[in-house]
Protein backbone atom coordinates (compact mmCIF):
# COMPACT_ATOMS: atom_id res chain seq x y z
CA MET A 1 0.00 0.00 0.00
CA THR A 2 1.40 3.42 -0.97
CA ARG A 3 2.06 6.15 1.60
CA GLU A 4 -0.80 8.21 0.17
CA ARG A 5 -3.27 5.34 0.46
CA GLN A 6 -2.17 4.60 4.04
CA ILE A 7 -2.77 8.22 5.01
CA TYR A 8 -6.18 8.08 3.35
CA LYS A 9 -7.06 4.90 5.24
CA VAL A 10 -6.07 6.32 8.65
CA THR A 11 -7.81 9.62 7.97
CA LEU A 12 -11.04 7.92 6.88
CA VAL A 13 -11.11 5.95 10.15
CA GLY A 14 -10.88 9.25 12.03
CA THR A 15 -13.53 10.80 9.80
CA ALA A 16 -16.01 8.02 10.55
CA GLY A 17 -15.38 8.44 14.28
CA ASN A 18 -15.78 12.23 14.08
CA VAL A 19 -19.07 12.05 12.18
CA ALA A 20 -20.55 9.63 14.72
CA LEU A 21 -19.30 11.65 17.69
CA LEU A 22 -20.30 15.09 16.49
CA THR A 23 -23.83 13.84 15.73
CA PHE A 24 -24.20 12.25 19.17
CA LYS A 25 -22.64 15.25 20.92
CA PHE A 26 -24.96 17.77 19.30
CA ILE A 27 -27.99 15.66 20.19
CA ALA A 28 -26.69 15.14 23.75
CA GLY A 29 -25.85 18.85 24.11
CA VAL A 30 -29.31 19.97 23.03
CA MET A 31 -31.23 17.30 24.94
CA GLY A 32 -28.97 17.66 27.98
CA HIS A 33 -29.03 21.49 27.95
CA SER A 34 -25.22 21.63 28.10
CA SER A 35 -23.24 24.47 26.53
CA ALA A 36 -20.03 22.59 27.30
CA MET A 37 -21.22 19.58 25.32
CA ILE A 38 -22.35 21.74 22.40
CA ALA A 39 -18.88 23.35 22.47
CA ASP A 40 -17.38 19.86 22.44
CA ALA A 41 -19.57 19.00 19.46
CA VAL A 42 -18.24 22.07 17.62
CA HIS A 43 -14.73 20.79 18.31
CA SER A 44 -15.63 17.43 16.76
CA LEU A 45 -17.09 19.29 13.79
CA SER A 46 -13.75 21.09 13.35
CA ASP A 47 -12.06 17.66 13.48
CA PHE A 48 -14.30 16.51 10.64
CA VAL A 49 -13.42 19.59 8.59
CA THR A 50 -9.68 19.04 9.14
CA ASP A 51 -10.05 15.41 8.06
CA LEU A 52 -11.42 16.70 4.76
CA VAL A 53 -8.47 19.11 4.49
CA VAL A 54 -6.05 16.22 5.00
CA LEU A 55 -7.76 14.09 2.34
CA VAL A 56 -7.59 16.91 -0.22
CA PHE A 57 -4.05 18.14 0.45
CA VAL A 58 -2.36 14.76 0.90
CA ASN A 59 -3.52 13.88 -2.60
CA ILE A 60 -1.87 17.04 -3.92
CA SER A 61 1.34 16.72 -1.86
CA ALA A 62 1.85 13.14 -3.08
CA LYS A 63 2.28 14.32 -6.69
CA PRO A 64 5.86 14.00 -7.98
CA GLN A 65 7.95 16.96 -9.06
CA ASP A 66 7.03 18.50 -12.40
CA THR A 67 7.99 21.48 -14.53
CA SER A 68 6.09 23.88 -12.24
CA HIS A 69 7.29 22.35 -8.93
CA ASP A 70 10.94 21.34 -9.19
CA TYR A 71 11.03 20.31 -5.52
CA GLY A 72 7.74 18.41 -5.60
CA HIS A 73 4.46 19.30 -3.90
CA GLY A 74 5.38 18.54 -0.29
CA LYS A 75 4.61 22.09 0.87
CA PHE A 76 0.91 21.42 0.33
CA GLU A 77 1.06 19.08 3.32
CA THR A 78 2.47 21.97 5.38
CA ILE A 79 -0.34 24.21 4.13
CA ALA A 80 -2.82 21.58 5.33
CA THR A 81 -1.21 21.64 8.79
CA PHE A 82 -1.51 25.44 8.81
CA LEU A 83 -5.20 25.26 7.90
CA ILE A 84 -5.79 22.72 10.67
CA GLY A 85 -4.24 25.20 13.11
CA LEU A 86 -6.53 27.96 11.84
CA ALA A 87 -9.55 25.66 12.20
CA LEU A 88 -8.58 25.04 15.81
CA VAL A 89 -8.28 28.78 16.45
CA ALA A 90 -11.74 29.36 14.97
CA ALA A 91 -13.25 26.53 17.04
CA ALA A 92 -11.53 27.77 20.22
CA THR A 93 -12.73 31.34 19.68
CA GLY A 94 -16.35 30.25 19.28
CA ILE A 95 -16.16 28.03 22.35
CA ILE A 96 -14.61 30.73 24.55
CA VAL A 97 -17.08 33.41 23.43
CA SER A 98 -20.05 31.12 24.03
CA GLY A 99 -18.81 30.11 27.48
CA ALA A 100 -17.99 33.68 28.44
CA THR A 101 -21.47 34.83 27.41
CA LYS A 102 -23.13 32.23 29.66
CA LEU A 103 -20.73 33.08 32.47
CA ALA A 104 -21.64 36.76 32.16
CA ASP A 105 -25.34 35.86 32.27
CA TRP A 106 -24.76 33.82 35.45
CA LEU A 107 -22.83 36.66 37.08
CA GLY A 108 -25.74 38.93 36.16
CA GLY A 109 -28.13 36.74 38.13
CA THR A 110 -29.52 34.55 35.35
CA ALA A 111 -30.10 30.96 36.48
CA LEU A 112 -28.41 28.41 34.24
CA GLU A 113 -30.14 25.14 33.50
CA ALA A 114 -28.35 22.09 34.90
CA PRO A 115 -27.12 19.69 32.18
CA GLY A 116 -28.61 16.21 31.84
CA TRP A 117 -26.99 12.81 32.23
CA ILE A 118 -26.96 12.20 28.48
CA ALA A 119 -24.44 15.03 28.13
CA LEU A 120 -22.14 13.42 30.71
CA TRP A 121 -22.31 10.02 29.01
CA ALA A 122 -21.51 11.65 25.67
CA ALA A 123 -18.43 13.30 27.19
CA LEU A 124 -17.17 10.03 28.65
CA LEU A 125 -17.72 8.21 25.36
CA SER A 126 -15.88 10.97 23.51
CA ILE A 127 -12.86 10.68 25.81
CA ALA A 128 -12.51 6.97 25.10
CA ILE A 129 -13.03 7.13 21.32
CA LYS A 130 -10.89 10.21 20.68
CA GLU A 131 -7.96 8.91 22.72
CA LEU A 132 -8.06 5.66 20.73
CA LEU A 133 -8.12 7.67 17.48
CA TYR A 134 -5.18 9.76 18.71
CA GLN A 135 -3.06 6.71 19.54
CA TYR A 136 -3.85 5.08 16.20
CA THR A 137 -3.29 8.20 14.08
CA VAL A 138 -0.09 9.42 15.77
CA ARG A 139 1.48 5.94 15.54
CA GLN A 140 0.71 5.72 11.83
CA GLY A 141 1.80 9.34 11.28
CA ARG A 142 5.22 8.68 12.81
CA GLN A 143 5.66 5.50 10.80
CA LEU A 144 4.80 7.36 7.59
CA ASP A 145 6.70 10.51 8.64
CA SER A 146 3.60 12.61 7.89
CA GLN A 147 3.49 16.04 9.54
CA VAL A 148 -0.15 16.55 8.67
CA MET A 149 -1.19 13.17 10.12
CA ILE A 150 0.58 13.93 13.39
CA ALA A 151 -1.13 17.34 13.46
CA ASN A 152 -4.46 15.65 12.87
CA ALA A 153 -3.69 13.14 15.64
CA TRP A 154 -3.19 16.03 18.06
CA HIS A 155 -6.56 17.35 16.95
CA HIS A 156 -8.00 14.01 18.17
CA ARG A 157 -6.05 14.30 21.44
CA SER A 158 -7.20 17.89 21.99
CA ASP A 159 -10.79 16.70 21.54
CA ALA A 160 -10.22 13.97 24.15
CA LEU A 161 -8.73 16.53 26.55
CA SER A 162 -11.58 18.93 25.94
CA SER A 163 -14.04 16.14 26.67
CA ILE A 164 -12.31 15.56 30.01
CA GLY A 165 -12.91 19.21 30.90
CA THR A 166 -16.45 18.90 29.61
CA ALA A 167 -17.10 15.79 31.70
CA VAL A 168 -15.77 17.49 34.84
CA GLY A 169 -17.91 20.58 34.24
CA ILE A 170 -21.06 18.64 33.41
CA GLY A 171 -20.56 16.16 36.25
CA GLY A 172 -19.97 18.96 38.76
CA ALA A 173 -23.04 20.85 37.57
CA ILE A 174 -25.15 17.68 37.92
CA TRP A 175 -23.89 16.44 41.29
CA LEU A 176 -23.29 19.71 43.15
CA GLY A 177 -26.68 21.28 42.50
CA GLN A 178 -28.06 24.51 41.04
CA ARG A 179 -25.44 26.77 42.62
CA TRP A 180 -22.74 25.05 40.57
CA THR A 181 -24.35 25.01 37.14
CA VAL A 182 -21.78 27.67 36.23
CA LEU A 183 -19.22 24.82 36.00
CA ASP A 184 -20.65 23.90 32.61
CA PRO A 185 -19.76 27.19 30.83
CA LEU A 186 -16.51 27.42 32.82
CA ALA A 187 -15.54 24.00 31.44
CA SER A 188 -16.23 25.20 27.89
CA ILE A 189 -13.91 28.21 28.41
CA ILE A 190 -11.13 25.94 29.70
CA VAL A 191 -11.63 23.68 26.69
CA GLY A 192 -11.25 26.70 24.41
CA GLY A 193 -8.01 27.70 26.12
CA MET A 194 -6.58 24.21 25.62
CA LEU A 195 -7.44 24.40 21.94
CA VAL A 196 -5.66 27.73 21.57
CA ARG A 197 -2.44 26.21 22.91
CA VAL A 198 -2.58 23.24 20.52
CA ALA A 199 -3.40 25.56 17.60
CA TRP A 200 -0.41 27.77 18.41
CA GLU A 201 2.00 24.81 18.28
CA LEU A 202 0.63 23.69 14.90
CA LEU A 203 0.71 27.20 13.44
CA LYS A 204 4.23 27.87 14.73
CA SER A 205 5.54 24.66 13.15
CA SER A 206 3.83 25.16 9.79
CA ILE A 207 4.75 28.85 9.55
CA GLY A 208 8.37 27.91 10.22
CA ASP A 209 8.34 25.44 7.33
CA LEU A 210 6.52 27.81 4.97
CA THR A 211 9.05 30.57 5.71
CA GLU A 212 12.01 28.23 5.04
CA GLN A 213 13.05 27.89 8.67
CA SER A 214 16.28 25.91 9.08
CA LEU A 215 16.34 22.49 10.71
CA PRO A 216 17.21 22.40 14.44
CA ALA A 217 20.84 23.12 15.34
CA GLU A 218 21.41 19.55 16.55
CA THR A 219 20.20 18.17 13.19
CA GLU A 220 22.50 20.50 11.26
CA GLN A 221 25.40 19.46 13.49
CA GLU A 222 24.65 15.81 12.71
CA ILE A 223 24.72 16.63 8.98
CA ILE A 224 28.15 18.26 9.40
CA GLN A 225 29.43 15.21 11.29
CA ILE A 226 28.25 12.87 8.53
CA ILE A 227 30.06 14.93 5.89
CA GLN A 228 33.22 15.12 8.01
CA SER A 229 33.22 11.34 8.54
CA PHE A 230 35.04 11.03 5.20
CA PRO A 231 38.79 11.71 5.69
CA ASP A 232 39.31 13.13 2.20
CA VAL A 233 36.67 15.84 2.75
CA GLN A 234 37.37 19.08 4.61
CA GLU A 235 35.65 22.23 5.80
CA PRO A 236 31.96 21.73 5.11
CA HIS A 237 30.43 25.22 5.06
CA ASN A 238 27.52 27.31 3.74
CA LEU A 239 25.13 24.67 5.09
CA ARG A 240 21.50 25.39 4.29
CA THR A 241 18.59 23.22 5.39
CA ARG A 242 14.80 23.34 5.27
CA HIS A 243 11.67 21.22 5.22
CA ILE A 244 9.73 20.43 2.06
CA GLY A 245 6.60 18.82 3.46
CA ASN A 246 7.70 15.54 5.04
CA ARG A 247 11.09 15.70 3.29
CA ILE A 248 14.12 17.80 4.07
CA ALA A 249 16.55 19.64 1.78
CA ILE A 250 20.29 19.89 2.47
CA GLU A 251 22.71 22.14 0.61
CA ALA A 252 26.39 22.44 1.55
CA HIS A 253 29.81 23.36 0.20
CA VAL A 254 32.69 20.92 0.86
CA ARG A 255 36.39 21.01 -0.01
CA MET A 256 38.57 18.25 -1.49
CA ASP A 257 42.09 17.93 -2.92
CA GLY A 258 42.07 19.91 -6.17
CA GLN A 259 44.44 17.45 -7.84
CA LEU A 260 42.01 14.55 -7.60
CA PRO A 261 40.29 13.36 -10.82
CA LEU A 262 36.80 14.68 -11.40
CA GLN A 263 35.49 11.11 -11.35
CA THR A 264 36.86 10.59 -7.82
CA VAL A 265 35.32 13.83 -6.56
CA HIS A 266 31.99 12.91 -8.13
CA GLU A 267 32.03 9.47 -6.51
CA ARG A 268 32.77 10.99 -3.11
CA ALA A 269 29.88 13.47 -3.49
CA THR A 270 27.59 10.57 -4.42
CA THR A 271 28.73 8.58 -1.38
CA ILE A 272 28.06 11.52 0.95
CA GLU A 273 24.65 12.05 -0.61
CA ARG A 274 23.80 8.35 -0.16
CA LYS A 275 24.83 8.42 3.49
CA LEU A 276 22.71 11.51 4.17
CA LYS A 277 19.71 9.87 2.51
CA ASP A 278 20.25 6.71 4.54
CA ARG A 279 20.00 8.83 7.67
CA PHE A 280 17.25 11.32 6.76
CA GLY A 281 15.19 9.42 4.19
CA SER A 282 15.53 8.41 0.55
CA ALA A 283 13.48 11.43 -0.57
CA THR A 284 15.94 13.89 1.03
CA HIS A 285 17.05 16.56 -1.44
CA VAL A 286 20.86 16.87 -1.26
CA THR A 287 22.97 19.40 -3.17
CA LEU A 288 26.76 19.43 -2.64
CA HIS A 289 29.09 22.02 -4.14
CA MET A 290 32.64 20.63 -4.32
CA GLU A 291 35.48 23.14 -3.97
CA PRO A 292 39.18 22.43 -4.66
CA ILE A 293 42.01 22.70 -2.13
CA LYS A 294 45.63 23.05 -3.25
CA ARG A 295 47.55 19.87 -2.43
CA HIS A 296 49.98 21.58 -0.01
CA GLU A 297 46.94 22.92 1.95
CA PHE A 298 45.28 19.51 2.24
CA THR A 299 45.66 17.66 5.54
CA ASN A 300 44.33 14.24 6.42
């Protein structure tokens, strides 16, 4: 099964779970008179939307390089991650505003209706299902080295975490009596805050990739060490790195004895490139610029 088809398979499993959950949550939120559960249902709806984003953009990012995209279409996967982050921000904003409005009404003396048991059961069911979807999706995402799948997995985990807050708020409002019905909208505000944090991490990562942010310093140091592992190569410099979707690009200048035959220099560059691809993936884009050193300057 191709990488693209595996991503589709995993995403469709999550989509089926999200459709079932968001339907049940909306019904439970309305019947159980719970703003926290309705907020949780909105979160599941945003999960469903992001699943659709993944399905569309993974198909595009899987396309090979062509005349209009010399480095392939991997950036479309990063764009999908960015859109998932934006969807989380939108969902979080709506949840926080809704919860704050109910909280303001309560502070103004308006009695809030206590949520029903169906809302609590929906929250508990959501915790179990979404955590299972998170574990499944993140494991597959790491195996396939898919940034967008891992981002989508965290969307599942954030929904599970939000359902925990929802369950606490609904349960407290049910068990502690009318005076504590405010726990329901308070839980929805906390859920919104958790979503904002997750969204920020996704946006920060995708913006870094879209703006050609370099790989971490420790990764660049490892690249230098791999190049320097060959005794006939000296002074790797002008190292440039970046992400292209789930692939990385490496460009570097290296120096070799200027008296060596061109064939020997070419073979060494090929060997270095192969070793870098063995470490960082066969799809890694490697460009090496070989510079000559005068023989009396060369040291082993």
